[in-house]
Amino acid sequence: MDELLTPEQLAEFLQVSTASLANDRYLGKGPRFIKLGGRVRYRKADVLAHLDENVHTRTDMRVPA
């Protein structure tokens, strides 16, 4: 089973605020997340995949997968 991260744990890992993560969820642009009742959790594999999808070599170009 994949490890689940709380928004607080992910915010610390990414060095962003929990408000930034909440805004990304609202805009649909952050890592995939799971809603369990009223709680939000992130699968570590989804977070790592999201990071891999956003690797750039220049500001106008992503690295091909």
Protein backbone atom coordinates (compact mmCIF):
# COMPACT_ATOMS: atom_id res chain seq x y z
CA MET A 1 0.00 0.00 0.00
CA ASP A 2 1.23 3.47 -0.89
CA GLU A 3 2.06 5.97 1.85
CA LEU A 4 -0.51 8.75 2.37
CA LEU A 5 0.59 12.28 3.21
CA THR A 6 -1.42 14.97 4.95
CA PRO A 7 -1.45 18.47 3.43
CA GLU A 8 0.81 19.58 6.28
CA GLN A 9 3.35 16.84 5.54
CA LEU A 10 3.31 17.59 1.82
CA ALA A 11 3.59 21.34 2.39
CA GLU A 12 6.70 20.76 4.50
CA PHE A 13 8.18 18.40 1.89
CA LEU A 14 7.56 20.85 -0.98
CA GLN A 15 8.39 23.92 1.14
CA VAL A 16 5.07 25.60 0.34
CA SER A 17 2.09 26.60 2.47
CA THR A 18 -0.99 24.46 3.02
CA ALA A 19 -2.96 27.37 1.55
CA SER A 20 -0.94 27.02 -1.65
CA LEU A 21 -1.80 23.32 -1.80
CA ALA A 22 -5.48 24.13 -1.22
CA ASN A 23 -5.39 26.68 -4.04
CA ASP A 24 -3.74 24.13 -6.36
CA ARG A 25 -6.48 21.63 -5.51
CA TYR A 26 -9.14 24.23 -6.30
CA LEU A 27 -7.49 25.08 -9.63
CA GLY A 28 -6.81 21.43 -10.46
CA LYS A 29 -3.13 21.99 -11.04
CA GLY A 30 -1.37 20.27 -8.13
CA PRO A 31 -0.73 16.61 -7.43
CA ARG A 32 -3.71 14.25 -7.45
CA PHE A 33 -5.34 13.90 -4.05
CA ILE A 34 -7.80 11.72 -2.17
CA LYS A 35 -10.76 12.95 -0.12
CA LEU A 36 -11.61 10.75 2.87
CA GLY A 37 -14.68 12.27 4.43
CA GLY A 38 -13.61 15.87 4.89
CA ARG A 39 -9.91 15.05 5.01
CA VAL A 40 -7.45 15.43 2.13
CA ARG A 41 -4.60 12.99 1.60
CA TYR A 42 -1.93 12.68 -1.07
CA ARG A 43 -0.44 9.40 -2.27
CA LYS A 44 3.33 9.65 -2.27
CA ALA A 45 3.47 8.01 -5.72
CA ASP A 46 1.09 10.68 -7.12
CA VAL A 47 3.24 13.45 -5.65
CA LEU A 48 6.42 11.99 -7.16
CA ALA A 49 4.68 11.52 -10.54
CA HIS A 50 3.50 15.15 -10.45
CA LEU A 51 7.04 16.32 -9.75
CA ASP A 52 8.39 14.20 -12.63
CA GLU A 53 5.78 15.70 -14.98
CA ASN A 54 6.98 19.20 -14.12
CA VAL A 55 10.70 18.86 -14.78
CA HIS A 56 12.01 21.64 -17.05
CA THR A 57 15.33 22.35 -18.71
CA ARG A 58 14.31 25.92 -19.62
CA THR A 59 11.44 28.11 -18.53
CA ASP A 60 9.62 27.50 -21.81
CA MET A 61 10.25 23.77 -22.24
CA ARG A 62 9.47 20.58 -20.35
CA VAL A 63 11.75 17.57 -20.44
CA PRO A 64 10.14 14.82 -22.57
CA ALA A 65 9.04 11.80 -20.55
